[in-house]
Amino acid sequence: MTAPARPVLTDIELTVLQGAAEGRTYATLGRQLSLTEKSVGNVAMRVIDKFDARSITHAVFLACRAGVLDGQRRRHGDHAGYAAHVYRGEDPKECPYGCWEGERAYRSVQRALRKLPAS
């Protein structure tokens, strides 16, 4: 099986595609992007056309298959976000979303739990 085509998307198209993948409505996306619901729908139609899809849902599916969307929500600011960075070979201390601070807080709680007397 060959890999599906990976079209080039603009930033706004990628944002709308990601929003659709997360279940957001065009109205919600419009408020976030300071666009009308109709404008978001027009952007979605461009995404649908670029993927040669039948709907935005189908475009999300094709985008995941093509590697445009990885199908996973990226965690940040907590222990899981820290662990995800380590797994990907990245330095969590360089994450601008506070993964290192989240890991430190997690470790602090774990240390406190270990100090509690066994019941």
PDB file of N, CA and C in Angstrom:
ATOM      1  N   MET A   1       0.845  -1.176   0.000  1.00  0.00           N
ATOM      2  CA  MET A   1       0.000   0.000   0.000  1.00  0.00           C
ATOM      3  C   MET A   1       0.892   1.241   0.000  1.00  0.00           C
ATOM      4  N   THR A   2       0.639   2.149  -0.883  1.00  0.00           N
ATOM      5  CA  THR A   2       1.441   3.360  -0.960  1.00  0.00           C
ATOM      6  C   THR A   2       0.914   4.387   0.030  1.00  0.00           C
ATOM      7  N   ALA A   3       1.803   5.254   0.472  1.00  0.00           N
ATOM      8  CA  ALA A   3       1.410   6.303   1.407  1.00  0.00           C
ATOM      9  C   ALA A   3       0.513   7.302   0.691  1.00  0.00           C
ATOM     10  N   PRO A   4      -0.536   7.781   1.376  1.00  0.00           N
ATOM     11  CA  PRO A   4      -1.407   8.766   0.750  1.00  0.00           C
ATOM     12  C   PRO A   4      -0.671  10.072   0.506  1.00  0.00           C
ATOM     13  N   ALA A   5      -1.191  10.840  -0.442  1.00  0.00           N
ATOM     14  CA  ALA A   5      -0.584  12.129  -0.769  1.00  0.00           C
ATOM     15  C   ALA A   5      -0.631  13.046   0.447  1.00  0.00           C
ATOM     16  N   ARG A   6       0.405  13.847   0.578  1.00  0.00           N
ATOM     17  CA  ARG A   6       0.483  14.784   1.704  1.00  0.00           C
ATOM     18  C   ARG A   6       0.451  16.194   1.139  1.00  0.00           C
ATOM     19  N   PRO A   7      -0.744  16.791   1.034  1.00  0.00           N
ATOM     20  CA  PRO A   7      -0.832  18.127   0.444  1.00  0.00           C
ATOM     21  C   PRO A   7      -0.224  19.185   1.353  1.00  0.00           C
ATOM     22  N   VAL A   8       0.162  20.275   0.750  1.00  0.00           N
ATOM     23  CA  VAL A   8       0.711  21.400   1.502  1.00  0.00           C
ATOM     24  C   VAL A   8      -0.461  22.250   1.981  1.00  0.00           C
ATOM     25  N   LEU A   9      -0.505  22.472   3.288  1.00  0.00           N
ATOM     26  CA  LEU A   9      -1.594  23.257   3.875  1.00  0.00           C
ATOM     27  C   LEU A   9      -1.052  24.572   4.424  1.00  0.00           C
ATOM     28  N   THR A  10      -1.867  25.613   4.324  1.00  0.00           N
ATOM     29  CA  THR A  10      -1.519  26.885   4.952  1.00  0.00           C
ATOM     30  C   THR A  10      -1.726  26.742   6.461  1.00  0.00           C
ATOM     31  N   ASP A  11      -1.251  27.700   7.220  1.00  0.00           N
ATOM     32  CA  ASP A  11      -1.420  27.660   8.677  1.00  0.00           C
ATOM     33  C   ASP A  11      -2.894  27.627   9.058  1.00  0.00           C
ATOM     34  N   ILE A  12      -3.706  28.439   8.404  1.00  0.00           N
ATOM     35  CA  ILE A  12      -5.132  28.498   8.736  1.00  0.00           C
ATOM     36  C   ILE A  12      -5.823  27.181   8.383  1.00  0.00           C
ATOM     37  N   GLU A  13      -5.433  26.586   7.251  1.00  0.00           N
ATOM     38  CA  GLU A  13      -6.016  25.297   6.866  1.00  0.00           C
ATOM     39  C   GLU A  13      -5.654  24.213   7.873  1.00  0.00           C
ATOM     40  N   LEU A  14      -4.413  24.212   8.321  1.00  0.00           N
ATOM     41  CA  LEU A  14      -3.978  23.229   9.316  1.00  0.00           C
ATOM     42  C   LEU A  14      -4.710  23.440  10.641  1.00  0.00           C
ATOM     43  N   THR A  15      -4.905  24.683  11.028  1.00  0.00           N
ATOM     44  CA  THR A  15      -5.628  24.985  12.261  1.00  0.00           C
ATOM     45  C   THR A  15      -7.066  24.488  12.189  1.00  0.00           C
ATOM     46  N   VAL A  16      -7.726  24.715  11.065  1.00  0.00           N
ATOM     47  CA  VAL A  16      -9.109  24.254  10.895  1.00  0.00           C
ATOM     48  C   VAL A  16      -9.147  22.725  10.885  1.00  0.00           C
ATOM     49  N   LEU A  17      -8.209  22.106  10.222  1.00  0.00           N
ATOM     50  CA  LEU A  17      -8.147  20.641  10.185  1.00  0.00           C
ATOM     51  C   LEU A  17      -7.936  20.076  11.587  1.00  0.00           C
ATOM     52  N   GLN A  18      -7.014  20.658  12.350  1.00  0.00           N
ATOM     53  CA  GLN A  18      -6.776  20.200  13.724  1.00  0.00           C
ATOM     54  C   GLN A  18      -8.006  20.436  14.591  1.00  0.00           C
ATOM     55  N   GLY A  19      -8.649  21.571  14.415  1.00  0.00           N
ATOM     56  CA  GLY A  19      -9.868  21.862  15.170  1.00  0.00           C
ATOM     57  C   GLY A  19     -10.967  20.854  14.865  1.00  0.00           C
ATOM     58  N   ALA A  20     -11.120  20.504  13.601  1.00  0.00           N
ATOM     59  CA  ALA A  20     -12.109  19.500  13.217  1.00  0.00           C
ATOM     60  C   ALA A  20     -11.762  18.147  13.823  1.00  0.00           C
ATOM     61  N   ALA A  21     -10.473  17.825  13.856  1.00  0.00           N
ATOM     62  CA  ALA A  21     -10.032  16.558  14.443  1.00  0.00           C
ATOM     63  C   ALA A  21     -10.334  16.511  15.936  1.00  0.00           C
ATOM     64  N   GLU A  22     -10.354  17.667  16.586  1.00  0.00           N
ATOM     65  CA  GLU A  22     -10.639  17.739  18.021  1.00  0.00           C
ATOM     66  C   GLU A  22     -12.136  17.889  18.288  1.00  0.00           C
ATOM     67  N   GLY A  23     -12.948  17.919  17.228  1.00  0.00           N
ATOM     68  CA  GLY A  23     -14.400  17.980  17.395  1.00  0.00           C
ATOM     69  C   GLY A  23     -14.963  19.378  17.540  1.00  0.00           C
ATOM     70  N   ARG A  24     -14.186  20.386  17.225  1.00  0.00           N
ATOM     71  CA  ARG A  24     -14.691  21.758  17.331  1.00  0.00           C
ATOM     72  C   ARG A  24     -15.606  22.073  16.157  1.00  0.00           C
ATOM     73  N   THR A  25     -16.598  22.905  16.409  1.00  0.00           N
ATOM     74  CA  THR A  25     -17.503  23.330  15.345  1.00  0.00           C
ATOM     75  C   THR A  25     -16.886  24.489  14.581  1.00  0.00           C
ATOM     76  N   TYR A  26     -17.421  24.753  13.411  1.00  0.00           N
ATOM     77  CA  TYR A  26     -16.936  25.891  12.626  1.00  0.00           C
ATOM     78  C   TYR A  26     -17.187  27.196  13.377  1.00  0.00           C
ATOM     79  N   ALA A  27     -18.297  27.273  14.118  1.00  0.00           N
ATOM     80  CA  ALA A  27     -18.599  28.483  14.885  1.00  0.00           C
ATOM     81  C   ALA A  27     -17.539  28.706  15.966  1.00  0.00           C
ATOM     82  N   THR A  28     -17.178  27.648  16.660  1.00  0.00           N
ATOM     83  CA  THR A  28     -16.155  27.752  17.706  1.00  0.00           C
ATOM     84  C   THR A  28     -14.814  28.143  17.104  1.00  0.00           C
ATOM     85  N   LEU A  29     -14.447  27.485  16.009  1.00  0.00           N
ATOM     86  CA  LEU A  29     -13.192  27.820  15.341  1.00  0.00           C
ATOM     87  C   LEU A  29     -13.207  29.264  14.857  1.00  0.00           C
ATOM     88  N   GLY A  30     -14.349  29.707  14.353  1.00  0.00           N
ATOM     89  CA  GLY A  30     -14.480  31.082  13.890  1.00  0.00           C
ATOM     90  C   GLY A  30     -14.219  32.087  14.999  1.00  0.00           C
ATOM     91  N   ARG A  31     -14.778  31.809  16.181  1.00  0.00           N
ATOM     92  CA  ARG A  31     -14.545  32.709  17.318  1.00  0.00           C
ATOM     93  C   ARG A  31     -13.071  32.712  17.707  1.00  0.00           C
ATOM     94  N   GLN A  32     -12.438  31.560  17.696  1.00  0.00           N
ATOM     95  CA  GLN A  32     -11.023  31.473  18.063  1.00  0.00           C
ATOM     96  C   GLN A  32     -10.127  32.188  17.057  1.00  0.00           C
ATOM     97  N   LEU A  33     -10.504  32.114  15.783  1.00  0.00           N
ATOM     98  CA  LEU A  33      -9.671  32.663  14.722  1.00  0.00           C
ATOM     99  C   LEU A  33     -10.113  34.052  14.260  1.00  0.00           C
ATOM    100  N   SER A  34     -11.150  34.586  14.894  1.00  0.00           N
ATOM    101  CA  SER A  34     -11.722  35.887  14.504  1.00  0.00           C
ATOM    102  C   SER A  34     -12.188  35.858  13.053  1.00  0.00           C
ATOM    103  N   LEU A  35     -12.874  34.771  12.697  1.00  0.00           N
ATOM    104  CA  LEU A  35     -13.451  34.606  11.366  1.00  0.00           C
ATOM    105  C   LEU A  35     -14.934  34.294  11.509  1.00  0.00           C
ATOM    106  N   THR A  36     -15.671  34.465  10.430  1.00  0.00           N
ATOM    107  CA  THR A  36     -17.070  34.052  10.458  1.00  0.00           C
ATOM    108  C   THR A  36     -17.144  32.537  10.272  1.00  0.00           C
ATOM    109  N   GLU A  37     -18.261  31.982  10.676  1.00  0.00           N
ATOM    110  CA  GLU A  37     -18.463  30.544  10.509  1.00  0.00           C
ATOM    111  C   GLU A  37     -18.381  30.163   9.025  1.00  0.00           C
ATOM    112  N   LYS A  38     -18.903  31.022   8.164  1.00  0.00           N
ATOM    113  CA  LYS A  38     -18.862  30.773   6.717  1.00  0.00           C
ATOM    114  C   LYS A  38     -17.416  30.765   6.208  1.00  0.00           C
ATOM    115  N   SER A  39     -16.583  31.676   6.715  1.00  0.00           N
ATOM    116  CA  SER A  39     -15.176  31.706   6.298  1.00  0.00           C
ATOM    117  C   SER A  39     -14.458  30.426   6.719  1.00  0.00           C
ATOM    118  N   VAL A  40     -14.744  29.944   7.926  1.00  0.00           N
ATOM    119  CA  VAL A  40     -14.150  28.688   8.388  1.00  0.00           C
ATOM    120  C   VAL A  40     -14.616  27.551   7.489  1.00  0.00           C
ATOM    121  N   GLY A  41     -15.891  27.577   7.105  1.00  0.00           N
ATOM    122  CA  GLY A  41     -16.414  26.561   6.185  1.00  0.00           C
ATOM    123  C   GLY A  41     -15.705  26.598   4.835  1.00  0.00           C
ATOM    124  N   ASN A  42     -15.400  27.802   4.370  1.00  0.00           N
ATOM    125  CA  ASN A  42     -14.672  27.938   3.100  1.00  0.00           C
ATOM    126  C   ASN A  42     -13.256  27.374   3.213  1.00  0.00           C
ATOM    127  N   VAL A  43     -12.607  27.633   4.340  1.00  0.00           N
ATOM    128  CA  VAL A  43     -11.268  27.076   4.570  1.00  0.00           C
ATOM    129  C   VAL A  43     -11.361  25.551   4.606  1.00  0.00           C
ATOM    130  N   ALA A  44     -12.380  25.048   5.293  1.00  0.00           N
ATOM    131  CA  ALA A  44     -12.571  23.593   5.375  1.00  0.00           C
ATOM    132  C   ALA A  44     -12.778  22.999   3.986  1.00  0.00           C
ATOM    133  N   MET A  45     -13.497  23.691   3.132  1.00  0.00           N
ATOM    134  CA  MET A  45     -13.712  23.192   1.765  1.00  0.00           C
ATOM    135  C   MET A  45     -12.389  23.120   0.998  1.00  0.00           C
ATOM    136  N   ARG A  46     -11.500  24.080   1.227  1.00  0.00           N
ATOM    137  CA  ARG A  46     -10.185  24.026   0.580  1.00  0.00           C
ATOM    138  C   ARG A  46      -9.403  22.812   1.068  1.00  0.00           C
ATOM    139  N   VAL A  47      -9.498  22.527   2.375  1.00  0.00           N
ATOM    140  CA  VAL A  47      -8.823  21.350   2.943  1.00  0.00           C
ATOM    141  C   VAL A  47      -9.402  20.082   2.328  1.00  0.00           C
ATOM    142  N   ILE A  48     -10.716  20.024   2.246  1.00  0.00           N
ATOM    143  CA  ILE A  48     -11.393  18.860   1.655  1.00  0.00           C
ATOM    144  C   ILE A  48     -10.928  18.659   0.217  1.00  0.00           C
ATOM    145  N   ASP A  49     -10.849  19.754  -0.532  1.00  0.00           N
ATOM    146  CA  ASP A  49     -10.392  19.670  -1.926  1.00  0.00           C
ATOM    147  C   ASP A  49      -8.941  19.199  -2.018  1.00  0.00           C
ATOM    148  N   LYS A  50      -8.093  19.726  -1.136  1.00  0.00           N
ATOM    149  CA  LYS A  50      -6.673  19.358  -1.190  1.00  0.00           C
ATOM    150  C   LYS A  50      -6.461  17.874  -0.902  1.00  0.00           C
ATOM    151  N   PHE A  51      -7.299  17.298  -0.049  1.00  0.00           N
ATOM    152  CA  PHE A  51      -7.174  15.874   0.265  1.00  0.00           C
ATOM    153  C   PHE A  51      -8.035  15.004  -0.649  1.00  0.00           C
ATOM    154  N   ASP A  52      -8.789  15.651  -1.534  1.00  0.00           N
ATOM    155  CA  ASP A  52      -9.726  14.932  -2.408  1.00  0.00           C
ATOM    156  C   ASP A  52     -10.658  14.068  -1.545  1.00  0.00           C
ATOM    157  N   ALA A  53     -11.160  14.686  -0.476  1.00  0.00           N
ATOM    158  CA  ALA A  53     -12.012  13.993   0.493  1.00  0.00           C
ATOM    159  C   ALA A  53     -13.486  14.278   0.206  1.00  0.00           C
ATOM    160  N   ARG A  54     -14.349  13.531   0.878  1.00  0.00           N
ATOM    161  CA  ARG A  54     -15.794  13.705   0.729  1.00  0.00           C
ATOM    162  C   ARG A  54     -16.385  14.621   1.799  1.00  0.00           C
ATOM    163  N   SER A  55     -15.678  14.781   2.915  1.00  0.00           N
ATOM    164  CA  SER A  55     -16.147  15.621   4.019  1.00  0.00           C
ATOM    165  C   SER A  55     -14.933  16.021   4.850  1.00  0.00           C
ATOM    166  N   ILE A  56     -15.165  16.905   5.817  1.00  0.00           N
ATOM    167  CA  ILE A  56     -14.048  17.306   6.682  1.00  0.00           C
ATOM    168  C   ILE A  56     -13.615  16.122   7.545  1.00  0.00           C
ATOM    169  N   THR A  57     -14.564  15.280   7.918  1.00  0.00           N
ATOM    170  CA  THR A  57     -14.238  14.082   8.689  1.00  0.00           C
ATOM    171  C   THR A  57     -13.340  13.157   7.879  1.00  0.00           C
ATOM    172  N   HIS A  58     -13.661  12.992   6.619  1.00  0.00           N
ATOM    173  CA  HIS A  58     -12.845  12.165   5.730  1.00  0.00           C
ATOM    174  C   HIS A  58     -11.465  12.804   5.549  1.00  0.00           C
ATOM    175  N   ALA A  59     -11.406  14.131   5.475  1.00  0.00           N
ATOM    176  CA  ALA A  59     -10.130  14.830   5.349  1.00  0.00           C
ATOM    177  C   ALA A  59      -9.268  14.612   6.598  1.00  0.00           C
ATOM    178  N   VAL A  60      -9.892  14.616   7.775  1.00  0.00           N
ATOM    179  CA  VAL A  60      -9.153  14.346   9.016  1.00  0.00           C
ATOM    180  C   VAL A  60      -8.572  12.942   8.963  1.00  0.00           C
ATOM    181  N   PHE A  61      -9.377  11.985   8.537  1.00  0.00           N
ATOM    182  CA  PHE A  61      -8.914  10.601   8.416  1.00  0.00           C
ATOM    183  C   PHE A  61      -7.724  10.510   7.452  1.00  0.00           C
ATOM    184  N   LEU A  62      -7.855  11.128   6.290  1.00  0.00           N
ATOM    185  CA  LEU A  62      -6.778  11.088   5.300  1.00  0.00           C
ATOM    186  C   LEU A  62      -5.530  11.819   5.801  1.00  0.00           C
ATOM    187  N   ALA A  63      -5.735  12.899   6.542  1.00  0.00           N
ATOM    188  CA  ALA A  63      -4.597  13.646   7.095  1.00  0.00           C
ATOM    189  C   ALA A  63      -3.833  12.797   8.114  1.00  0.00           C
ATOM    190  N   CYS A  64      -4.573  12.048   8.921  1.00  0.00           N
ATOM    191  CA  CYS A  64      -3.911  11.150   9.883  1.00  0.00           C
ATOM    192  C   CYS A  64      -3.120  10.079   9.146  1.00  0.00           C
ATOM    193  N   ARG A  65      -3.704   9.520   8.119  1.00  0.00           N
ATOM    194  CA  ARG A  65      -3.026   8.494   7.326  1.00  0.00           C
ATOM    195  C   ARG A  65      -1.781   9.022   6.633  1.00  0.00           C
ATOM    196  N   ALA A  66      -1.857  10.276   6.208  1.00  0.00           N
ATOM    197  CA  ALA A  66      -0.733  10.880   5.485  1.00  0.00           C
ATOM    198  C   ALA A  66       0.333  11.428   6.432  1.00  0.00           C
ATOM    199  N   GLY A  67       0.056  11.397   7.726  1.00  0.00           N
ATOM    200  CA  GLY A  67       1.028  11.896   8.686  1.00  0.00           C
ATOM    201  C   GLY A  67       0.942  13.389   8.939  1.00  0.00           C
ATOM    202  N   VAL A  68      -0.071  14.041   8.395  1.00  0.00           N
ATOM    203  CA  VAL A  68      -0.257  15.467   8.632  1.00  0.00           C
ATOM    204  C   VAL A  68      -0.728  15.673  10.071  1.00  0.00           C
ATOM    205  N   LEU A  69      -1.641  14.833  10.506  1.00  0.00           N
ATOM    206  CA  LEU A  69      -2.075  14.801  11.906  1.00  0.00           C
ATOM    207  C   LEU A  69      -1.609  13.472  12.456  1.00  0.00           C
ATOM    208  N   ASP A  70      -0.999  13.504  13.607  1.00  0.00           N
ATOM    209  CA  ASP A  70      -0.454  12.247  14.132  1.00  0.00           C
ATOM    210  C   ASP A  70      -1.460  11.436  14.918  1.00  0.00           C
ATOM    211  N   GLY A  71      -2.671  11.953  15.108  1.00  0.00           N
ATOM    212  CA  GLY A  71      -3.693  11.184  15.791  1.00  0.00           C
ATOM    213  C   GLY A  71      -3.543  11.169  17.299  1.00  0.00           C
ATOM    214  N   GLN A  72      -2.526  11.815  17.823  1.00  0.00           N
ATOM    215  CA  GLN A  72      -2.323  11.863  19.261  1.00  0.00           C
ATOM    216  C   GLN A  72      -2.319  13.305  19.719  1.00  0.00           C
ATOM    217  N   ARG A  73      -2.878  13.503  20.841  1.00  0.00           N
ATOM    218  CA  ARG A  73      -2.806  14.823  21.441  1.00  0.00           C
ATOM    219  C   ARG A  73      -1.456  14.929  22.142  1.00  0.00           C
ATOM    220  N   ARG A  74      -0.739  15.981  21.915  1.00  0.00           N
ATOM    221  CA  ARG A  74       0.561  16.188  22.558  1.00  0.00           C
ATOM    222  C   ARG A  74       0.321  16.705  23.973  1.00  0.00           C
ATOM    223  N   ARG A  75       0.942  16.057  24.937  1.00  0.00           N
ATOM    224  CA  ARG A  75       0.788  16.449  26.326  1.00  0.00           C
ATOM    225  C   ARG A  75       1.855  17.487  26.662  1.00  0.00           C
ATOM    226  N   HIS A  76       1.493  18.438  27.508  1.00  0.00           N
ATOM    227  CA  HIS A  76       2.447  19.450  27.949  1.00  0.00           C
ATOM    228  C   HIS A  76       2.158  19.854  29.384  1.00  0.00           C
ATOM    229  N   GLY A  77       3.223  20.230  30.062  1.00  0.00           N
ATOM    230  CA  GLY A  77       3.094  20.802  31.381  1.00  0.00           C
ATOM    231  C   GLY A  77       2.864  19.813  32.499  1.00  0.00           C
ATOM    232  N   ASP A  78       3.038  18.529  32.246  1.00  0.00           N
ATOM    233  CA  ASP A  78       2.854  17.546  33.305  1.00  0.00           C
ATOM    234  C   ASP A  78       3.833  16.388  33.108  1.00  0.00           C
ATOM    235  N   HIS A  79       3.718  15.384  33.954  1.00  0.00           N
ATOM    236  CA  HIS A  79       4.627  14.245  33.894  1.00  0.00           C
ATOM    237  C   HIS A  79       4.549  13.541  32.536  1.00  0.00           C
ATOM    238  N   ALA A  80       3.341  13.354  32.021  1.00  0.00           N
ATOM    239  CA  ALA A  80       3.192  12.673  30.730  1.00  0.00           C
ATOM    240  C   ALA A  80       3.829  13.484  29.607  1.00  0.00           C
ATOM    241  N   GLY A  81       3.720  14.813  29.676  1.00  0.00           N
ATOM    242  CA  GLY A  81       4.361  15.664  28.676  1.00  0.00           C
ATOM    243  C   GLY A  81       5.873  15.544  28.735  1.00  0.00           C
ATOM    244  N   TYR A  82       6.399  15.520  29.937  1.00  0.00           N
ATOM    245  CA  TYR A  82       7.836  15.350  30.141  1.00  0.00           C
ATOM    246  C   TYR A  82       8.286  14.014  29.546  1.00  0.00           C
ATOM    247  N   ALA A  83       7.555  12.944  29.898  1.00  0.00           N
ATOM    248  CA  ALA A  83       7.901  11.604  29.417  1.00  0.00           C
ATOM    249  C   ALA A  83       7.817  11.526  27.890  1.00  0.00           C
ATOM    250  N   ALA A  84       6.847  12.221  27.290  1.00  0.00           N
ATOM    251  CA  ALA A  84       6.713  12.213  25.835  1.00  0.00           C
ATOM    252  C   ALA A  84       7.927  12.866  25.177  1.00  0.00           C
ATOM    253  N   HIS A  85       8.401  13.954  25.761  1.00  0.00           N
ATOM    254  CA  HIS A  85       9.601  14.599  25.222  1.00  0.00           C
ATOM    255  C   HIS A  85      10.799  13.658  25.296  1.00  0.00           C
ATOM    256  N   VAL A  86      10.963  13.011  26.449  1.00  0.00           N
ATOM    257  CA  VAL A  86      12.087  12.086  26.627  1.00  0.00           C
ATOM    258  C   VAL A  86      11.989  10.955  25.604  1.00  0.00           C
ATOM    259  N   TYR A  87      10.781  10.416  25.418  1.00  0.00           N
ATOM    260  CA  TYR A  87      10.571   9.326  24.470  1.00  0.00           C
ATOM    261  C   TYR A  87      10.952   9.736  23.049  1.00  0.00           C
ATOM    262  N   ARG A  88      10.656  10.989  22.697  1.00  0.00           N
ATOM    263  CA  ARG A  88      10.969  11.479  21.348  1.00  0.00           C
ATOM    264  C   ARG A  88      12.411  11.957  21.229  1.00  0.00           C
ATOM    265  N   GLY A  89      13.192  11.857  22.309  1.00  0.00           N
ATOM    266  CA  GLY A  89      14.593  12.265  22.266  1.00  0.00           C
ATOM    267  C   GLY A  89      14.785  13.771  22.362  1.00  0.00           C
ATOM    268  N   GLU A  90      13.788  14.486  22.863  1.00  0.00           N
ATOM    269  CA  GLU A  90      13.863  15.932  22.991  1.00  0.00           C
ATOM    270  C   GLU A  90      14.261  16.298  24.423  1.00  0.00           C
ATOM    271  N   ASP A  91      14.734  17.496  24.612  1.00  0.00           N
ATOM    272  CA  ASP A  91      15.071  17.980  25.954  1.00  0.00           C
ATOM    273  C   ASP A  91      13.842  18.671  26.541  1.00  0.00           C
ATOM    274  N   PRO A  92      13.204  18.052  27.550  1.00  0.00           N
ATOM    275  CA  PRO A  92      11.993  18.641  28.128  1.00  0.00           C
ATOM    276  C   PRO A  92      12.228  19.996  28.786  1.00  0.00           C
ATOM    277  N   LYS A  93      13.455  20.284  29.168  1.00  0.00           N
ATOM    278  CA  LYS A  93      13.744  21.570  29.803  1.00  0.00           C
ATOM    279  C   LYS A  93      13.616  22.723  28.806  1.00  0.00           C
ATOM    280  N   GLU A  94      13.661  22.410  27.514  1.00  0.00           N
ATOM    281  CA  GLU A  94      13.540  23.447  26.487  1.00  0.00           C
ATOM    282  C   GLU A  94      12.092  23.680  26.060  1.00  0.00           C
ATOM    283  N   CYS A  95      11.166  22.885  26.591  1.00  0.00           N
ATOM    284  CA  CYS A  95       9.754  23.026  26.231  1.00  0.00           C
ATOM    285  C   CYS A  95       9.197  24.331  26.795  1.00  0.00           C
ATOM    286  N   PRO A  96       8.598  25.169  25.943  1.00  0.00           N
ATOM    287  CA  PRO A  96       8.067  26.444  26.433  1.00  0.00           C
ATOM    288  C   PRO A  96       6.768  26.301  27.214  1.00  0.00           C
ATOM    289  N   TYR A  97       6.210  25.082  27.287  1.00  0.00           N
ATOM    290  CA  TYR A  97       4.914  24.874  27.934  1.00  0.00           C
ATOM    291  C   TYR A  97       5.029  24.365  29.364  1.00  0.00           C
ATOM    292  N   GLY A  98       6.215  24.322  29.923  1.00  0.00           N
ATOM    293  CA  GLY A  98       6.381  23.993  31.326  1.00  0.00           C
ATOM    294  C   GLY A  98       6.446  22.522  31.655  1.00  0.00           C
ATOM    295  N   CYS A  99       6.906  21.697  30.727  1.00  0.00           N
ATOM    296  CA  CYS A  99       6.991  20.260  31.001  1.00  0.00           C
ATOM    297  C   CYS A  99       7.984  19.950  32.123  1.00  0.00           C
ATOM    298  N   TRP A 100       9.090  20.664  32.172  1.00  0.00           N
ATOM    299  CA  TRP A 100      10.073  20.410  33.226  1.00  0.00           C
ATOM    300  C   TRP A 100       9.493  20.786  34.590  1.00  0.00           C
ATOM    301  N   GLU A 101       8.794  21.919  34.656  1.00  0.00           N
ATOM    302  CA  GLU A 101       8.176  22.325  35.911  1.00  0.00           C
ATOM    303  C   GLU A 101       7.090  21.331  36.320  1.00  0.00           C
ATOM    304  N   GLY A 102       6.333  20.842  35.348  1.00  0.00           N
ATOM    305  CA  GLY A 102       5.314  19.832  35.636  1.00  0.00           C
ATOM    306  C   GLY A 102       5.925  18.547  36.163  1.00  0.00           C
ATOM    307  N   GLU A 103       7.050  18.150  35.599  1.00  0.00           N
ATOM    308  CA  GLU A 103       7.746  16.942  36.065  1.00  0.00           C
ATOM    309  C   GLU A 103       8.269  17.148  37.480  1.00  0.00           C
ATOM    310  N   ARG A 104       8.807  18.324  37.764  1.00  0.00           N
ATOM    311  CA  ARG A 104       9.302  18.602  39.114  1.00  0.00           C
ATOM    312  C   ARG A 104       8.168  18.539  40.133  1.00  0.00           C
ATOM    313  N   ALA A 105       7.013  19.089  39.781  1.00  0.00           N
ATOM    314  CA  ALA A 105       5.857  19.027  40.680  1.00  0.00           C
ATOM    315  C   ALA A 105       5.423  17.579  40.893  1.00  0.00           C
ATOM    316  N   TYR A 106       5.403  16.796  39.813  1.00  0.00           N
ATOM    317  CA  TYR A 106       5.038  15.378  39.906  1.00  0.00           C
ATOM    318  C   TYR A 106       5.998  14.632  40.834  1.00  0.00           C
ATOM    319  N   ARG A 107       7.295  14.868  40.675  1.00  0.00           N
ATOM    320  CA  ARG A 107       8.292  14.198  41.513  1.00  0.00           C
ATOM    321  C   ARG A 107       8.150  14.607  42.980  1.00  0.00           C
ATOM    322  N   SER A 108       7.821  15.859  43.206  1.00  0.00           N
ATOM    323  CA  SER A 108       7.627  16.337  44.570  1.00  0.00           C
ATOM    324  C   SER A 108       6.463  15.602  45.238  1.00  0.00           C
ATOM    325  N   VAL A 109       5.381  15.443  44.529  1.00  0.00           N
ATOM    326  CA  VAL A 109       4.220  14.710  45.060  1.00  0.00           C
ATOM    327  C   VAL A 109       4.591  13.258  45.319  1.00  0.00           C
ATOM    328  N   GLN A 110       5.314  12.649  44.394  1.00  0.00           N
ATOM    329  CA  GLN A 110       5.705  11.243  44.573  1.00  0.00           C
ATOM    330  C   GLN A 110       6.614  11.075  45.796  1.00  0.00           C
ATOM    331  N   ARG A 111       7.534  12.014  46.001  1.00  0.00           N
ATOM    332  CA  ARG A 111       8.402  11.950  47.194  1.00  0.00           C
ATOM    333  C   ARG A 111       7.567  12.057  48.460  1.00  0.00           C
ATOM    334  N   ALA A 112       6.603  12.982  48.465  1.00  0.00           N
ATOM    335  CA  ALA A 112       5.748  13.165  49.643  1.00  0.00           C
ATOM    336  C   ALA A 112       4.929  11.904  49.910  1.00  0.00           C
ATOM    337  N   LEU A 113       4.437  11.259  48.862  1.00  0.00           N
ATOM    338  CA  LEU A 113       3.656  10.029  49.040  1.00  0.00           C
ATOM    339  C   LEU A 113       4.511   8.902  49.609  1.00  0.00           C
ATOM    340  N   ARG A 114       5.772   8.840  49.191  1.00  0.00           N
ATOM    341  CA  ARG A 114       6.653   7.787  49.710  1.00  0.00           C
ATOM    342  C   ARG A 114       6.963   7.987  51.181  1.00  0.00           C
ATOM    343  N   LYS A 115       6.912   9.223  51.656  1.00  0.00           N
ATOM    344  CA  LYS A 115       7.217   9.534  53.053  1.00  0.00           C
ATOM    345  C   LYS A 115       6.049   9.234  53.987  1.00  0.00           C
ATOM    346  N   LEU A 116       4.848   9.066  53.417  1.00  0.00           N
ATOM    347  CA  LEU A 116       3.682   8.773  54.252  1.00  0.00           C
ATOM    348  C   LEU A 116       3.831   7.389  54.869  1.00  0.00           C
ATOM    349  N   PRO A 117       3.378   7.239  56.117  1.00  0.00           N
ATOM    350  CA  PRO A 117       3.471   5.909  56.735  1.00  0.00           C
ATOM    351  C   PRO A 117       2.534   4.922  56.023  1.00  0.00           C
ATOM    352  N   ALA A 118       2.984   3.683  55.932  1.00  0.00           N
ATOM    353  CA  ALA A 118       2.167   2.639  55.305  1.00  0.00           C
ATOM    354  C   ALA A 118       0.974   2.353  56.198  1.00  0.00           C
ATOM    355  N   SER A 119      -0.201   2.188  55.585  1.00  0.00           N
ATOM    356  CA  SER A 119      -1.373   1.897  56.416  1.00  0.00           C
ATOM    357  C   SER A 119      -1.776   0.464  56.375  1.00  0.00           C
TER     358      SER A 119
END
